[in-house]
Structures are given as structure tokens and as C-alpha cells.
Protein backbone atom coordinates (compact mmCIF):
# COMPACT_ATOMS: atom_id res chain seq x y z
CA MET A 1 20.19 -12.18 -3.73
CA LYS A 2 22.04 -8.64 -4.35
CA PHE A 3 19.97 -5.18 -4.23
CA VAL A 4 20.64 -4.74 -8.66
CA GLU A 5 18.87 -8.18 -8.94
CA ALA A 6 15.81 -7.39 -6.42
CA HIS A 7 14.96 -4.49 -8.49
CA HIS A 8 14.78 -6.16 -11.22
CA LEU A 9 12.33 -8.38 -10.07
CA PHE A 10 10.46 -5.71 -7.95
CA MET A 11 9.54 -3.46 -11.05
CA LYS A 12 8.81 -6.27 -13.83
CA GLU A 13 6.79 -7.51 -11.63
CA HIS A 14 4.27 -3.79 -10.74
CA LEU A 15 4.72 -2.96 -14.56
CA ASP A 16 3.43 -6.17 -15.60
CA ALA A 17 -0.10 -6.15 -12.86
CA ARG A 18 0.13 -1.74 -14.38
CA LYS A 19 -1.82 -0.55 -17.49
CA GLY A 20 -3.20 2.61 -18.35
CA GLU A 21 -2.58 6.15 -16.20
CA SER A 22 -1.06 3.91 -13.40
CA LEU A 23 1.73 1.95 -15.70
CA ARG A 24 2.32 5.05 -16.83
CA ARG A 25 3.58 6.57 -13.50
CA LEU A 26 5.11 4.01 -12.30
CA MET A 27 7.18 4.49 -15.30
CA GLU A 28 7.78 7.94 -14.93
CA GLY A 29 7.57 8.02 -11.36
CA HIS A 30 10.38 5.39 -10.30
CA ASP A 31 13.09 7.97 -10.52
CA TYR A 32 15.85 8.42 -9.51
CA ALA A 33 14.94 9.72 -5.91
CA GLU A 34 13.03 6.72 -5.41
CA LYS A 35 15.57 3.70 -6.46
CA LEU A 36 18.01 5.59 -4.44
CA PHE A 37 15.93 5.58 -1.45
CA LEU A 38 15.93 1.40 -2.10
CA GLU A 39 19.48 1.08 -2.58
CA ARG A 40 20.34 2.92 0.64
CA VAL A 41 17.56 3.03 2.65
CA TRP A 42 15.43 0.23 2.30
CA TRP A 43 17.29 -1.94 1.73
CA PRO A 44 19.69 -0.93 4.10
CA ALA A 45 16.72 -1.94 6.24
CA PHE A 46 14.53 -4.69 5.88
CA GLY A 47 17.11 -6.66 3.20
CA ASN A 48 13.69 -7.32 0.83
CA LEU A 49 10.82 -4.69 -1.22
CA GLN A 50 8.11 -7.72 0.52
CA HIS A 51 4.98 -5.71 1.16
CA LEU A 52 6.39 -2.40 -1.00
CA HIS A 53 4.41 -0.80 -3.54
CA PRO A 54 5.77 2.07 -6.21
CA GLU A 55 3.76 4.44 -7.18
CA TYR A 56 0.94 3.26 -5.00
CA GLU A 57 -3.12 4.37 -6.77
CA THR A 58 -4.86 5.81 -3.88
CA HIS A 59 -8.57 7.57 -4.08
CA ASP A 60 -9.11 10.72 -1.86
CA TYR A 61 -12.67 11.88 -0.73
CA LYS A 62 -12.94 15.06 -3.37
CA ASP A 63 -10.32 15.10 -6.87
CA GLY A 64 -10.34 10.88 -7.29
CA ASP A 65 -7.06 9.09 -7.75
CA ARG A 66 -3.55 10.41 -6.37
CA TYR A 67 -0.06 8.80 -6.02
CA ILE A 68 2.12 7.83 -3.67
CA ASP A 69 6.11 7.39 -3.98
CA PHE A 70 6.14 3.79 -1.49
CA ALA A 71 3.30 2.50 0.31
CA TYR A 72 3.79 0.14 3.45
CA ILE A 73 0.55 -2.57 3.52
CA ARG A 74 1.04 -5.08 5.42
CA SER A 75 -1.95 -6.10 7.86
CA ILE A 76 -3.98 -3.65 8.50
CA LEU A 77 -1.16 -1.35 8.82
CA ARG A 78 -1.05 1.26 5.92
CA LEU A 79 2.59 3.02 5.21
CA ALA A 80 2.25 6.00 3.06
CA ILE A 81 6.55 6.86 1.98
CA GLU A 82 7.10 10.34 0.37
CA ILE A 83 10.32 11.69 -0.92
CA ASP A 84 10.99 15.21 -1.42
CA SER A 85 13.05 17.67 -3.15
CA TYR A 86 14.95 20.86 -1.57
CA GLY A 87 12.44 23.41 -3.54
CA PHE A 88 10.93 20.97 -6.12
CA HIS A 89 7.76 20.11 -4.42
CA TRP A 90 7.94 23.90 -3.03
CA LYS A 91 9.36 26.45 -5.38
CA ASN A 92 7.00 25.00 -8.25
CA LEU A 93 4.03 25.48 -6.71
CA ASN A 94 1.12 28.27 -6.65
CA ARG A 95 -1.24 28.55 -3.82
CA VAL A 96 -4.16 26.53 -4.68
CA GLN A 97 -2.00 23.89 -5.92
CA PHE A 98 0.07 23.85 -1.95
CA SER A 99 -3.91 24.10 -0.22
CA ASP A 100 -4.00 20.62 -2.17
CA HIS A 101 -0.90 19.04 -0.83
CA LEU A 102 -1.94 19.95 2.11
CA ARG A 103 -5.63 18.32 1.67
CA ARG A 104 -4.03 15.58 0.25
CA GLN A 105 -2.39 14.94 3.50
CA ASN A 106 -4.53 15.28 5.13
CA ASP A 107 -7.02 12.64 3.64
CA LEU A 108 -4.09 9.75 3.63
CA ILE A 109 -4.14 10.34 7.39
CA ILE A 110 -7.95 10.82 8.25
CA ASP A 111 -8.62 7.71 5.29
CA GLY A 112 -6.38 5.91 7.92
CA TRP A 113 -2.85 6.30 6.34
CA LYS A 114 0.47 7.03 8.55
CA LEU A 115 3.11 8.81 6.60
CA LEU A 116 7.19 9.26 6.61
CA ARG A 117 8.20 11.69 4.58
CA PHE A 118 12.49 12.12 3.93
CA SER A 119 14.40 14.32 2.05
CA PHE A 120 16.30 13.86 -1.37
CA ASP A 121 19.33 15.39 1.16
CA ASP A 122 18.85 12.71 4.28
CA ILE A 123 18.52 9.30 1.67
CA LYS A 124 21.25 10.82 -0.67
CA ASP A 125 23.92 12.31 2.84
CA ASN A 126 22.76 10.50 5.93
CA PRO A 127 20.30 7.18 4.92
CA ARG A 128 21.69 5.53 8.21
CA PHE A 129 19.61 8.09 10.17
CA CYS A 130 16.69 6.80 7.95
CA GLN A 131 17.23 3.44 7.72
CA GLN A 132 16.55 4.21 11.85
CA LYS A 133 13.42 6.20 11.91
CA LEU A 134 11.70 3.16 9.01
CA GLN A 135 13.27 0.23 11.78
CA GLN A 136 11.39 2.52 14.81
CA PHE A 137 8.33 2.70 13.74
CA MET A 138 8.01 -0.43 12.08
CA GLY A 139 8.77 -1.33 15.89
CA ARG A 140 6.28 0.96 16.94
CA TRP A 141 3.32 -0.13 14.92
CA LEU A 142 4.25 -4.08 13.58
CA GLY A 143 6.23 -5.33 17.03
CA THR A 144 7.60 -8.05 16.04
CA GLU A 145 5.35 -11.43 16.02
CA THR A 146 3.31 -11.50 13.03
CA TYR A 147 1.56 -14.50 12.43
CA ASP A 148 1.00 -16.30 9.22
CA LEU A 149 -2.54 -17.85 7.30
CA GLY A 150 -1.48 -20.07 5.41
CA ALA A 151 -3.99 -17.89 2.97
CA ASN A 152 -3.13 -18.48 -0.97
CA TYR A 153 -3.17 -16.38 -3.64
CA THR A 154 -5.98 -15.54 -4.25
CA GLU A 155 -6.80 -15.72 -0.79
CA LYS A 156 -4.09 -12.72 -0.33
CA GLU A 157 -5.09 -10.85 -2.58
CA VAL A 158 -8.31 -10.21 -1.67
CA LEU A 159 -7.50 -8.80 1.82
CA ARG A 160 -5.07 -7.02 0.29
CA LEU A 161 -7.98 -5.28 -1.68
CA ALA A 162 -10.54 -5.24 1.97
CA ILE A 163 -7.74 -3.08 3.80
CA LYS A 164 -7.33 -0.83 -0.24
CA LEU A 165 -10.42 0.02 0.43
CA ALA A 166 -10.55 0.49 4.07
CA ARG A 167 -14.04 0.07 4.07
CA PRO A 168 -17.19 -2.60 3.79
CA PHE A 169 -16.17 -4.16 -0.31
CA THR A 170 -18.54 -5.90 -2.32
CA PRO A 171 -18.41 -9.01 -4.82
CA GLY A 172 -19.03 -6.55 -7.54
CA ASP A 173 -15.74 -4.81 -6.03
CA VAL A 174 -13.93 -8.25 -5.80
CA CYS A 175 -14.94 -8.79 -9.45
CA ALA A 176 -13.42 -5.92 -11.02
CA HIS A 177 -9.81 -6.45 -9.48
CA PHE A 178 -9.61 -9.54 -10.54
CA GLY A 179 -11.77 -9.03 -13.75
CA ILE A 180 -13.88 -12.72 -12.47
CA GLU A 181 -17.86 -13.68 -12.57
CA ASN A 182 -20.11 -12.67 -9.51
CA LYS A 183 -20.90 -15.61 -9.21
CA THR A 184 -16.57 -17.08 -8.82
CA ALA A 185 -16.20 -13.58 -6.33
CA ARG A 186 -19.42 -15.00 -3.84
CA LYS A 187 -17.57 -18.88 -3.74
CA TRP A 188 -14.21 -17.08 -2.69
CA LEU A 189 -15.70 -14.84 -0.44
CA GLN A 190 -17.78 -17.36 1.37
CA GLN A 191 -14.91 -19.69 1.81
CA MET A 192 -12.85 -17.13 3.55
CA VAL A 193 -16.18 -16.37 5.79
CA ASN A 194 -15.95 -20.50 6.51
CA LYS A 195 -11.84 -19.91 7.40
CA LYS A 196 -13.48 -16.61 9.91
CA TRP A 197 -10.78 -14.13 7.80
CA LEU A 198 -14.00 -12.95 6.58
CA LYS A 199 -17.85 -11.44 7.64
CA PRO A 200 -20.27 -10.24 6.36
CA ALA A 201 -21.42 -6.65 6.79
CA SER A 202 -24.81 -6.52 5.13
CA GLY A 203 -27.74 -8.03 3.90
CA SER A 204 -29.37 -11.04 5.67
CA THR A 205 -30.44 -13.94 3.50
CA ARG A 206 -28.72 -12.59 0.48
CA VAL A 207 -24.91 -11.24 1.81
CA ARG A 208 -24.19 -7.41 0.07
CA SER A 209 -21.00 -6.54 1.65
CA TYR A 210 -18.42 -8.02 3.50
CA GLU A 211 -15.78 -6.46 5.84
CA LEU A 212 -12.63 -8.22 7.63
CA GLU A 213 -12.97 -10.55 10.89
CA LEU A 214 -12.38 -8.68 14.14
CA GLU A 215 -10.11 -11.19 15.59
CA LEU A 216 -7.66 -10.66 11.98
CA GLU A 217 -7.58 -7.03 12.56
CA ASN A 218 -6.65 -7.23 15.49
CA LYS A 219 -3.17 -9.90 14.68
CA TRP A 220 -0.42 -8.07 12.50
CA VAL A 221 -0.80 -10.93 9.62
CA THR A 222 1.88 -11.61 7.02
CA LEU A 223 0.32 -10.72 3.30
């Protein structure tokens, strides 16, 4: 598959899955620089767009929703990729906005994210340098061996949700994510406990929250 076709399918998948502010941000935020990054850097480096999420919504400790240019989420690895144009990100910021920008980055790191930043000039003029940095990062944090759970789509989505939340999560979180009833969410979660992918985080007679199974956390799982 060529990049143009892959990018079209990639954007369609993410646009179809978004709504509200998240959809608006994706439509407005995925622009020339972001597409150029995929075409000149990511695609030549990896040959696919798997596990990559454009204009990815995160929640910080104070101000609510923020958006990352790209998030790469795979197993317990969460990589934030930001693209910076010279002048645009800095000259238009006042002192308060500049401080907020740094706080946002610190919050990502504290919340367990890895972070890579690329200048638009490097993406345009030195794409091979950017490719090498991404490949070095993947080699450092992912290595070459992965573990395929054999999970179905729904189970993978639950695991992605657990990784994204980065905390014990409840059946209510699953209900809100999928738009399902509590009974169905509990059934799914119990099945995943039985498969040793999740474990109870609180509650004895009736489990109130869940978290990733320790053995799963220590494997690079293909999601």
C-alpha cells in the first residue's frame, strides 16, 4: 500500500471515531506539517501508521483536556510526538502561555509519557535524521520482540483504555468508553481477568476497579 492510500484510510478511521471537540481539533490540527511528518519521516521509517493517533486527547492535572500532535501507544509505552514550527510556537506566546506550555510538558512526563519533539525544518530538510531518532527510540524502548495476546477488537480496546487512563479503572469507565451497560462491562472485564490480562484493583466480594495484570505489564504486547 502506498502512503497516499494509507494516509487516507488512517484519517478516515480516526475521523469516523471522533466527535465534538476532538473531531474539530483533528480536522483543524492535522495540517501540512503533520502530514509531512507522516510522509517524510514516519512512513519511510516504519512503513505503516499502526498504533499512531493524530491530535490525541489527554487530561492533565489542572486544566482538563489537551491535545498531542501524535501519540504512539503500544503495550505500556506511550510516546508523545510534537512538531514545532520556528517562531509560531514561541513568538506568539505571552509569559503565562509560555509557563503553561512547559507545565503541560512536565505533566505528560509525570503521567508516564515519553516525549519527542521535532522541528518543522528538520522534518522538511533533514527527514533522515528524524527517522533515525524514532528508530533509535523504538529500539531502546520496544526492542525487537513483541507478544501477541490473540485478543479480539473489544478486548484490545479495553486494554488500550487501561493504558491510556494509567490508573485503576472501573466498569463505569468502560461503559462511558463503549456506550454499554454496566452488566456488559463487568462481563467483559471478568472474562479478561480469567485470561489473566486484568486483575482486581479494589473490592473483594464485588470488584470495584481493575488494573493491568503484572505479567502483562512486563511484556511488549501487540495492540
